[in-house]
Amino acid sequence: METLKLIFILIPALLEIIKLIEGMISGVKRGAEKKAAVMEIIGLVLRTVQKLGILGCIDPDKIMKAVDVLIDALVHILNVGGVFEHGREAASAG
């Protein structure tokens, strides 16, 4: 249950990191690169928190697997919602 709570706590941070990376790495067809950057940031945070003993018995690998799926879902929602420039272009073309 603690893992699930942590995942829900991470969602707002993930949204902000995704938007930040989207602004820093421009261009369509760079999704894998953008996702890798977001994963690296979250991984760094989790490793730091784990070293500080804050995570307790939560498995960082499980968190990262969930984050991987969440990134895909959040990016899809942001694209469909037209939050990203290329998302707006795709929506207007369709």
PDB file of N, CA and C in Angstrom:
ATOM      1  N   MET A   1       0.819  -1.197   0.000  1.00  0.00           N
ATOM      2  CA  MET A   1       0.000   0.000   0.000  1.00  0.00           C
ATOM      3  C   MET A   1       0.862   1.261   0.000  1.00  0.00           C
ATOM      4  N   GLU A   2       2.017   1.217   0.681  1.00  0.00           N
ATOM      5  CA  GLU A   2       2.910   2.372   0.729  1.00  0.00           C
ATOM      6  C   GLU A   2       3.449   2.703  -0.663  1.00  0.00           C
ATOM      7  N   THR A   3       3.710   1.671  -1.450  1.00  0.00           N
ATOM      8  CA  THR A   3       4.204   1.889  -2.809  1.00  0.00           C
ATOM      9  C   THR A   3       3.170   2.644  -3.626  1.00  0.00           C
ATOM     10  N   LEU A   4       1.920   2.248  -3.518  1.00  0.00           N
ATOM     11  CA  LEU A   4       0.844   2.907  -4.249  1.00  0.00           C
ATOM     12  C   LEU A   4       0.706   4.368  -3.822  1.00  0.00           C
ATOM     13  N   LYS A   5       0.804   4.625  -2.533  1.00  0.00           N
ATOM     14  CA  LYS A   5       0.730   6.005  -2.043  1.00  0.00           C
ATOM     15  C   LYS A   5       1.848   6.848  -2.644  1.00  0.00           C
ATOM     16  N   LEU A   6       3.051   6.293  -2.669  1.00  0.00           N
ATOM     17  CA  LEU A   6       4.185   7.027  -3.211  1.00  0.00           C
ATOM     18  C   LEU A   6       3.993   7.317  -4.693  1.00  0.00           C
ATOM     19  N   ILE A   7       3.454   6.372  -5.423  1.00  0.00           N
ATOM     20  CA  ILE A   7       3.206   6.563  -6.850  1.00  0.00           C
ATOM     21  C   ILE A   7       2.230   7.713  -7.062  1.00  0.00           C
ATOM     22  N   PHE A   8       1.163   7.768  -6.278  1.00  0.00           N
ATOM     23  CA  PHE A   8       0.199   8.868  -6.403  1.00  0.00           C
ATOM     24  C   PHE A   8       0.818  10.203  -6.013  1.00  0.00           C
ATOM     25  N   ILE A   9       1.704  10.195  -5.039  1.00  0.00           N
ATOM     26  CA  ILE A   9       2.399  11.421  -4.639  1.00  0.00           C
ATOM     27  C   ILE A   9       3.309  11.914  -5.762  1.00  0.00           C
ATOM     28  N   LEU A  10       3.876  10.984  -6.521  1.00  0.00           N
ATOM     29  CA  LEU A  10       4.804  11.340  -7.601  1.00  0.00           C
ATOM     30  C   LEU A  10       4.125  11.955  -8.827  1.00  0.00           C
ATOM     31  N   ILE A  11       2.843  11.748  -9.009  1.00  0.00           N
ATOM     32  CA  ILE A  11       2.165  12.199 -10.240  1.00  0.00           C
ATOM     33  C   ILE A  11       2.342  13.696 -10.497  1.00  0.00           C
ATOM     34  N   PRO A  12       2.080  14.591  -9.531  1.00  0.00           N
ATOM     35  CA  PRO A  12       2.285  16.016  -9.826  1.00  0.00           C
ATOM     36  C   PRO A  12       3.733  16.350 -10.192  1.00  0.00           C
ATOM     37  N   ALA A  13       4.679  15.720  -9.504  1.00  0.00           N
ATOM     38  CA  ALA A  13       6.093  15.953  -9.819  1.00  0.00           C
ATOM     39  C   ALA A  13       6.410  15.447 -11.223  1.00  0.00           C
ATOM     40  N   LEU A  14       5.879  14.290 -11.572  1.00  0.00           N
ATOM     41  CA  LEU A  14       6.092  13.744 -12.919  1.00  0.00           C
ATOM     42  C   LEU A  14       5.576  14.694 -13.988  1.00  0.00           C
ATOM     43  N   LEU A  15       4.389  15.247 -13.761  1.00  0.00           N
ATOM     44  CA  LEU A  15       3.820  16.191 -14.730  1.00  0.00           C
ATOM     45  C   LEU A  15       4.756  17.380 -14.943  1.00  0.00           C
ATOM     46  N   GLU A  16       5.268  17.920 -13.865  1.00  0.00           N
ATOM     47  CA  GLU A  16       6.162  19.071 -13.967  1.00  0.00           C
ATOM     48  C   GLU A  16       7.475  18.701 -14.658  1.00  0.00           C
ATOM     49  N   ILE A  17       8.017  17.546 -14.326  1.00  0.00           N
ATOM     50  CA  ILE A  17       9.273  17.112 -14.949  1.00  0.00           C
ATOM     51  C   ILE A  17       9.069  16.852 -16.438  1.00  0.00           C
ATOM     52  N   ILE A  18       7.964  16.233 -16.784  1.00  0.00           N
ATOM     53  CA  ILE A  18       7.649  15.965 -18.193  1.00  0.00           C
ATOM     54  C   ILE A  18       7.562  17.281 -18.962  1.00  0.00           C
ATOM     55  N   LYS A  19       6.851  18.255 -18.416  1.00  0.00           N
ATOM     56  CA  LYS A  19       6.721  19.552 -19.089  1.00  0.00           C
ATOM     57  C   LYS A  19       8.080  20.255 -19.194  1.00  0.00           C
ATOM     58  N   LEU A  20       8.880  20.154 -18.168  1.00  0.00           N
ATOM     59  CA  LEU A  20      10.208  20.757 -18.181  1.00  0.00           C
ATOM     60  C   LEU A  20      11.070  20.133 -19.286  1.00  0.00           C
ATOM     61  N   ILE A  21      11.104  18.824 -19.326  1.00  0.00           N
ATOM     62  CA  ILE A  21      11.909  18.119 -20.334  1.00  0.00           C
ATOM     63  C   ILE A  21      11.378  18.399 -21.731  1.00  0.00           C
ATOM     64  N   GLU A  22      10.070  18.455 -21.879  1.00  0.00           N
ATOM     65  CA  GLU A  22       9.465  18.758 -23.180  1.00  0.00           C
ATOM     66  C   GLU A  22       9.948  20.123 -23.676  1.00  0.00           C
ATOM     67  N   GLY A  23      10.078  21.076 -22.766  1.00  0.00           N
ATOM     68  CA  GLY A  23      10.559  22.402 -23.147  1.00  0.00           C
ATOM     69  C   GLY A  23      12.054  22.440 -23.442  1.00  0.00           C
ATOM     70  N   MET A  24      12.802  21.555 -22.800  1.00  0.00           N
ATOM     71  CA  MET A  24      14.258  21.550 -22.972  1.00  0.00           C
ATOM     72  C   MET A  24      14.709  20.753 -24.196  1.00  0.00           C
ATOM     73  N   ILE A  25      14.001  19.670 -24.482  1.00  0.00           N
ATOM     74  CA  ILE A  25      14.356  18.816 -25.629  1.00  0.00           C
ATOM     75  C   ILE A  25      13.254  18.991 -26.661  1.00  0.00           C
ATOM     76  N   SER A  26      13.491  19.863 -27.614  1.00  0.00           N
ATOM     77  CA  SER A  26      12.443  20.167 -28.578  1.00  0.00           C
ATOM     78  C   SER A  26      12.434  19.156 -29.716  1.00  0.00           C
ATOM     79  N   GLY A  27      11.297  19.110 -30.350  1.00  0.00           N
ATOM     80  CA  GLY A  27      11.176  18.284 -31.542  1.00  0.00           C
ATOM     81  C   GLY A  27      10.359  17.031 -31.347  1.00  0.00           C
ATOM     82  N   VAL A  28       9.610  16.743 -32.390  1.00  0.00           N
ATOM     83  CA  VAL A  28       8.829  15.520 -32.443  1.00  0.00           C
ATOM     84  C   VAL A  28       9.791  14.374 -32.733  1.00  0.00           C
ATOM     85  N   LYS A  29       9.422  13.180 -32.420  1.00  0.00           N
ATOM     86  CA  LYS A  29      10.235  11.972 -32.665  1.00  0.00           C
ATOM     87  C   LYS A  29      11.423  11.877 -31.709  1.00  0.00           C
ATOM     88  N   ARG A  30      11.342  12.565 -30.583  1.00  0.00           N
ATOM     89  CA  ARG A  30      12.414  12.467 -29.592  1.00  0.00           C
ATOM     90  C   ARG A  30      11.841  11.963 -28.268  1.00  0.00           C
ATOM     91  N   GLY A  31      10.718  11.279 -28.368  1.00  0.00           N
ATOM     92  CA  GLY A  31      10.024  10.809 -27.174  1.00  0.00           C
ATOM     93  C   GLY A  31      10.852   9.884 -26.301  1.00  0.00           C
ATOM     94  N   ALA A  32      11.598   8.982 -26.919  1.00  0.00           N
ATOM     95  CA  ALA A  32      12.416   8.042 -26.141  1.00  0.00           C
ATOM     96  C   ALA A  32      13.491   8.789 -25.356  1.00  0.00           C
ATOM     97  N   GLU A  33      14.074   9.791 -25.987  1.00  0.00           N
ATOM     98  CA  GLU A  33      15.107  10.598 -25.335  1.00  0.00           C
ATOM     99  C   GLU A  33      14.501  11.390 -24.162  1.00  0.00           C
ATOM    100  N   LYS A  34      13.326  11.954 -24.390  1.00  0.00           N
ATOM    101  CA  LYS A  34      12.640  12.724 -23.347  1.00  0.00           C
ATOM    102  C   LYS A  34      12.256  11.814 -22.177  1.00  0.00           C
ATOM    103  N   LYS A  35      11.727  10.639 -22.505  1.00  0.00           N
ATOM    104  CA  LYS A  35      11.324   9.697 -21.459  1.00  0.00           C
ATOM    105  C   LYS A  35      12.534   9.254 -20.645  1.00  0.00           C
ATOM    106  N   ALA A  36      13.639   8.987 -21.316  1.00  0.00           N
ATOM    107  CA  ALA A  36      14.851   8.568 -20.619  1.00  0.00           C
ATOM    108  C   ALA A  36      15.324   9.648 -19.651  1.00  0.00           C
ATOM    109  N   ALA A  37      15.197  10.911 -20.051  1.00  0.00           N
ATOM    110  CA  ALA A  37      15.589  12.018 -19.177  1.00  0.00           C
ATOM    111  C   ALA A  37      14.696  12.081 -17.942  1.00  0.00           C
ATOM    112  N   VAL A  38      13.402  11.915 -18.132  1.00  0.00           N
ATOM    113  CA  VAL A  38      12.460  11.923 -16.997  1.00  0.00           C
ATOM    114  C   VAL A  38      12.761  10.742 -16.074  1.00  0.00           C
ATOM    115  N   MET A  39      12.973   9.578 -16.651  1.00  0.00           N
ATOM    116  CA  MET A  39      13.283   8.389 -15.849  1.00  0.00           C
ATOM    117  C   MET A  39      14.574   8.586 -15.051  1.00  0.00           C
ATOM    118  N   GLU A  40      15.556   9.213 -15.661  1.00  0.00           N
ATOM    119  CA  GLU A  40      16.833   9.454 -14.980  1.00  0.00           C
ATOM    120  C   GLU A  40      16.635  10.387 -13.778  1.00  0.00           C
ATOM    121  N   ILE A  41      15.844  11.428 -13.964  1.00  0.00           N
ATOM    122  CA  ILE A  41      15.584  12.362 -12.864  1.00  0.00           C
ATOM    123  C   ILE A  41      14.861  11.661 -11.718  1.00  0.00           C
ATOM    124  N   ILE A  42      13.817  10.925 -12.039  1.00  0.00           N
ATOM    125  CA  ILE A  42      13.061  10.223 -10.995  1.00  0.00           C
ATOM    126  C   ILE A  42      13.946   9.171 -10.327  1.00  0.00           C
ATOM    127  N   GLY A  43      14.749   8.465 -11.115  1.00  0.00           N
ATOM    128  CA  GLY A  43      15.660   7.469 -10.551  1.00  0.00           C
ATOM    129  C   GLY A  43      16.652   8.096  -9.587  1.00  0.00           C
ATOM    130  N   LEU A  44      17.175   9.247  -9.954  1.00  0.00           N
ATOM    131  CA  LEU A  44      18.110   9.962  -9.084  1.00  0.00           C
ATOM    132  C   LEU A  44      17.435  10.358  -7.773  1.00  0.00           C
ATOM    133  N   VAL A  45      16.236  10.858  -7.869  1.00  0.00           N
ATOM    134  CA  VAL A  45      15.491  11.240  -6.661  1.00  0.00           C
ATOM    135  C   VAL A  45      15.252  10.021  -5.772  1.00  0.00           C
ATOM    136  N   LEU A  46      14.807   8.926  -6.372  1.00  0.00           N
ATOM    137  CA  LEU A  46      14.543   7.717  -5.581  1.00  0.00           C
ATOM    138  C   LEU A  46      15.809   7.165  -4.932  1.00  0.00           C
ATOM    139  N   ARG A  47      16.921   7.172  -5.669  1.00  0.00           N
ATOM    140  CA  ARG A  47      18.175   6.690  -5.085  1.00  0.00           C
ATOM    141  C   ARG A  47      18.620   7.572  -3.920  1.00  0.00           C
ATOM    142  N   THR A  48      18.452   8.873  -4.071  1.00  0.00           N
ATOM    143  CA  THR A  48      18.824   9.804  -3.004  1.00  0.00           C
ATOM    144  C   THR A  48      17.943   9.598  -1.778  1.00  0.00           C
ATOM    145  N   VAL A  49      16.651   9.492  -2.005  1.00  0.00           N
ATOM    146  CA  VAL A  49      15.708   9.283  -0.903  1.00  0.00           C
ATOM    147  C   VAL A  49      15.986   7.947  -0.216  1.00  0.00           C
ATOM    148  N   GLN A  50      16.327   6.937  -1.005  1.00  0.00           N
ATOM    149  CA  GLN A  50      16.637   5.626  -0.432  1.00  0.00           C
ATOM    150  C   GLN A  50      17.900   5.701   0.436  1.00  0.00           C
ATOM    151  N   LYS A  51      18.912   6.409  -0.033  1.00  0.00           N
ATOM    152  CA  LYS A  51      20.146   6.565   0.750  1.00  0.00           C
ATOM    153  C   LYS A  51      19.879   7.279   2.070  1.00  0.00           C
ATOM    154  N   LEU A  52      18.929   8.195   2.052  1.00  0.00           N
ATOM    155  CA  LEU A  52      18.582   8.924   3.265  1.00  0.00           C
ATOM    156  C   LEU A  52      17.687   8.108   4.195  1.00  0.00           C
ATOM    157  N   GLY A  53      17.242   6.939   3.722  1.00  0.00           N
ATOM    158  CA  GLY A  53      16.409   6.068   4.541  1.00  0.00           C
ATOM    159  C   GLY A  53      14.950   6.471   4.604  1.00  0.00           C
ATOM    160  N   ILE A  54      14.533   7.344   3.704  1.00  0.00           N
ATOM    161  CA  ILE A  54      13.160   7.843   3.732  1.00  0.00           C
ATOM    162  C   ILE A  54      12.172   6.847   3.121  1.00  0.00           C
ATOM    163  N   LEU A  55      12.620   6.054   2.173  1.00  0.00           N
ATOM    164  CA  LEU A  55      11.717   5.118   1.500  1.00  0.00           C
ATOM    165  C   LEU A  55      11.288   3.954   2.386  1.00  0.00           C
ATOM    166  N   GLY A  56      12.042   3.658   3.381  1.00  0.00           N
ATOM    167  CA  GLY A  56      11.702   2.510   4.214  1.00  0.00           C
ATOM    168  C   GLY A  56      11.812   1.230   3.422  1.00  0.00           C
ATOM    169  N   CYS A  57      10.744   0.443   3.447  1.00  0.00           N
ATOM    170  CA  CYS A  57      10.776  -0.865   2.779  1.00  0.00           C
ATOM    171  C   CYS A  57      10.208  -0.819   1.360  1.00  0.00           C
ATOM    172  N   ILE A  58       9.977   0.371   0.824  1.00  0.00           N
ATOM    173  CA  ILE A  58       9.440   0.489  -0.530  1.00  0.00           C
ATOM    174  C   ILE A  58      10.518   0.117  -1.539  1.00  0.00           C
ATOM    175  N   ASP A  59      10.152  -0.714  -2.506  1.00  0.00           N
ATOM    176  CA  ASP A  59      11.072  -1.193  -3.529  1.00  0.00           C
ATOM    177  C   ASP A  59      11.174  -0.172  -4.669  1.00  0.00           C
ATOM    178  N   PRO A  60      12.331   0.484  -4.828  1.00  0.00           N
ATOM    179  CA  PRO A  60      12.481   1.484  -5.891  1.00  0.00           C
ATOM    180  C   PRO A  60      12.260   0.906  -7.300  1.00  0.00           C
ATOM    181  N   ASP A  61      12.580  -0.368  -7.499  1.00  0.00           N
ATOM    182  CA  ASP A  61      12.358  -0.973  -8.818  1.00  0.00           C
ATOM    183  C   ASP A  61      10.876  -1.016  -9.173  1.00  0.00           C
ATOM    184  N   LYS A  62      10.033  -1.314  -8.186  1.00  0.00           N
ATOM    185  CA  LYS A  62       8.584  -1.314  -8.431  1.00  0.00           C
ATOM    186  C   LYS A  62       8.109   0.091  -8.764  1.00  0.00           C
ATOM    187  N   ILE A  63       8.646   1.069  -8.052  1.00  0.00           N
ATOM    188  CA  ILE A  63       8.275   2.460  -8.310  1.00  0.00           C
ATOM    189  C   ILE A  63       8.678   2.840  -9.738  1.00  0.00           C
ATOM    190  N   MET A  64       9.881   2.477 -10.138  1.00  0.00           N
ATOM    191  CA  MET A  64      10.353   2.830 -11.476  1.00  0.00           C
ATOM    192  C   MET A  64       9.533   2.152 -12.569  1.00  0.00           C
ATOM    193  N   LYS A  65       9.097   0.926 -12.335  1.00  0.00           N
ATOM    194  CA  LYS A  65       8.233   0.252 -13.312  1.00  0.00           C
ATOM    195  C   LYS A  65       6.909   0.991 -13.454  1.00  0.00           C
ATOM    196  N   ALA A  66       6.366   1.433 -12.336  1.00  0.00           N
ATOM    197  CA  ALA A  66       5.115   2.191 -12.367  1.00  0.00           C
ATOM    198  C   ALA A  66       5.324   3.550 -13.026  1.00  0.00           C
ATOM    199  N   VAL A  67       6.437   4.187 -12.726  1.00  0.00           N
ATOM    200  CA  VAL A  67       6.758   5.490 -13.323  1.00  0.00           C
ATOM    201  C   VAL A  67       6.874   5.355 -14.838  1.00  0.00           C
ATOM    202  N   ASP A  68       7.464   4.293 -15.307  1.00  0.00           N
ATOM    203  CA  ASP A  68       7.598   4.037 -16.741  1.00  0.00           C
ATOM    204  C   ASP A  68       6.230   4.051 -17.423  1.00  0.00           C
ATOM    205  N   VAL A  69       5.278   3.373 -16.828  1.00  0.00           N
ATOM    206  CA  VAL A  69       3.921   3.310 -17.379  1.00  0.00           C
ATOM    207  C   VAL A  69       3.223   4.663 -17.229  1.00  0.00           C
ATOM    208  N   LEU A  70       3.409   5.296 -16.084  1.00  0.00           N
ATOM    209  CA  LEU A  70       2.780   6.589 -15.839  1.00  0.00           C
ATOM    210  C   LEU A  70       3.250   7.654 -16.817  1.00  0.00           C
ATOM    211  N   ILE A  71       4.525   7.666 -17.128  1.00  0.00           N
ATOM    212  CA  ILE A  71       5.044   8.644 -18.080  1.00  0.00           C
ATOM    213  C   ILE A  71       4.325   8.502 -19.412  1.00  0.00           C
ATOM    214  N   ASP A  72       4.204   7.273 -19.906  1.00  0.00           N
ATOM    215  CA  ASP A  72       3.505   7.043 -21.170  1.00  0.00           C
ATOM    216  C   ASP A  72       2.071   7.559 -21.111  1.00  0.00           C
ATOM    217  N   ALA A  73       1.382   7.247 -20.021  1.00  0.00           N
ATOM    218  CA  ALA A  73      -0.014   7.671 -19.879  1.00  0.00           C
ATOM    219  C   ALA A  73      -0.131   9.187 -19.787  1.00  0.00           C
ATOM    220  N   LEU A  74       0.715   9.810 -18.979  1.00  0.00           N
ATOM    221  CA  LEU A  74       0.652  11.258 -18.811  1.00  0.00           C
ATOM    222  C   LEU A  74       1.002  11.992 -20.099  1.00  0.00           C
ATOM    223  N   VAL A  75       2.016  11.527 -20.802  1.00  0.00           N
ATOM    224  CA  VAL A  75       2.389  12.160 -22.070  1.00  0.00           C
ATOM    225  C   VAL A  75       1.254  12.021 -23.077  1.00  0.00           C
ATOM    226  N   HIS A  76       0.630  10.872 -23.121  1.00  0.00           N
ATOM    227  CA  HIS A  76      -0.510  10.682 -24.026  1.00  0.00           C
ATOM    228  C   HIS A  76      -1.624  11.676 -23.703  1.00  0.00           C
ATOM    229  N   ILE A  77      -1.945  11.812 -22.430  1.00  0.00           N
ATOM    230  CA  ILE A  77      -2.992  12.750 -22.018  1.00  0.00           C
ATOM    231  C   ILE A  77      -2.613  14.181 -22.391  1.00  0.00           C
ATOM    232  N   LEU A  78      -1.362  14.558 -22.141  1.00  0.00           N
ATOM    233  CA  LEU A  78      -0.906  15.903 -22.478  1.00  0.00           C
ATOM    234  C   LEU A  78      -0.904  16.140 -23.988  1.00  0.00           C
ATOM    235  N   ASN A  79      -0.555  15.118 -24.766  1.00  0.00           N
ATOM    236  CA  ASN A  79      -0.594  15.244 -26.226  1.00  0.00           C
ATOM    237  C   ASN A  79      -2.019  15.394 -26.729  1.00  0.00           C
ATOM    238  N   VAL A  80      -2.896  14.528 -26.266  1.00  0.00           N
ATOM    239  CA  VAL A  80      -4.293  14.570 -26.704  1.00  0.00           C
ATOM    240  C   VAL A  80      -4.953  15.883 -26.269  1.00  0.00           C
ATOM    241  N   GLY A  81      -4.587  16.353 -25.088  1.00  0.00           N
ATOM    242  CA  GLY A  81      -5.148  17.607 -24.584  1.00  0.00           C
ATOM    243  C   GLY A  81      -4.564  18.840 -25.234  1.00  0.00           C
ATOM    244  N   GLY A  82      -3.549  18.667 -26.074  1.00  0.00           N
ATOM    245  CA  GLY A  82      -2.958  19.789 -26.782  1.00  0.00           C
ATOM    246  C   GLY A  82      -2.028  20.634 -25.940  1.00  0.00           C
ATOM    247  N   VAL A  83      -1.568  20.093 -24.821  1.00  0.00           N
ATOM    248  CA  VAL A  83      -0.656  20.840 -23.957  1.00  0.00           C
ATOM    249  C   VAL A  83       0.673  21.078 -24.658  1.00  0.00           C
ATOM    250  N   PHE A  84       1.146  20.080 -25.392  1.00  0.00           N
ATOM    251  CA  PHE A  84       2.394  20.219 -26.127  1.00  0.00           C
ATOM    252  C   PHE A  84       2.096  20.692 -27.535  1.00  0.00           C
ATOM    253  N   GLU A  85       2.977  21.502 -28.079  1.00  0.00           N
ATOM    254  CA  GLU A  85       2.791  22.113 -29.393  1.00  0.00           C
ATOM    255  C   GLU A  85       2.472  21.065 -30.467  1.00  0.00           C
ATOM    256  N   HIS A  86       3.235  19.973 -30.505  1.00  0.00           N
ATOM    257  CA  HIS A  86       2.992  18.955 -31.529  1.00  0.00           C
ATOM    258  C   HIS A  86       1.668  18.238 -31.277  1.00  0.00           C
ATOM    259  N   GLY A  87       1.194  18.221 -30.053  1.00  0.00           N
ATOM    260  CA  GLY A  87      -0.115  17.639 -29.749  1.00  0.00           C
ATOM    261  C   GLY A  87      -1.235  18.477 -30.344  1.00  0.00           C
ATOM    262  N   ARG A  88      -1.076  19.800 -30.256  1.00  0.00           N
ATOM    263  CA  ARG A  88      -2.081  20.709 -30.845  1.00  0.00           C
ATOM    264  C   ARG A  88      -2.099  20.574 -32.361  1.00  0.00           C
ATOM    265  N   GLU A  89      -0.905  20.454 -32.942  1.00  0.00           N
ATOM    266  CA  GLU A  89      -0.819  20.311 -34.407  1.00  0.00           C
ATOM    267  C   GLU A  89      -1.495  19.032 -34.859  1.00  0.00           C
ATOM    268  N   ALA A  90      -1.262  17.929 -34.154  1.00  0.00           N
ATOM    269  CA  ALA A  90      -1.867  16.641 -34.513  1.00  0.00           C
ATOM    270  C   ALA A  90      -3.382  16.696 -34.348  1.00  0.00           C
ATOM    271  N   ALA A  91      -3.852  17.359 -33.289  1.00  0.00           N
ATOM    272  CA  ALA A  91      -5.292  17.439 -33.035  1.00  0.00           C
ATOM    273  C   ALA A  91      -5.986  18.267 -34.107  1.00  0.00           C
ATOM    274  N   SER A  92      -5.350  19.343 -34.577  1.00  0.00           N
ATOM    275  CA  SER A  92      -5.967  20.187 -35.593  1.00  0.00           C
ATOM    276  C   SER A  92      -5.930  19.531 -36.973  1.00  0.00           C
ATOM    277  N   ALA A  93      -4.966  18.653 -37.189  1.00  0.00           N
ATOM    278  CA  ALA A  93      -4.858  17.954 -38.475  1.00  0.00           C
ATOM    279  C   ALA A  93      -5.899  16.860 -38.611  1.00  0.00           C
ATOM    280  N   GLY A  94      -6.351  16.337 -37.474  1.00  0.00           N
ATOM    281  CA  GLY A  94      -7.274  15.200 -37.494  1.00  0.00           C
ATOM    282  C   GLY A  94      -8.658  15.579 -37.622  1.00  0.00           C
TER     283      GLY A  94
END
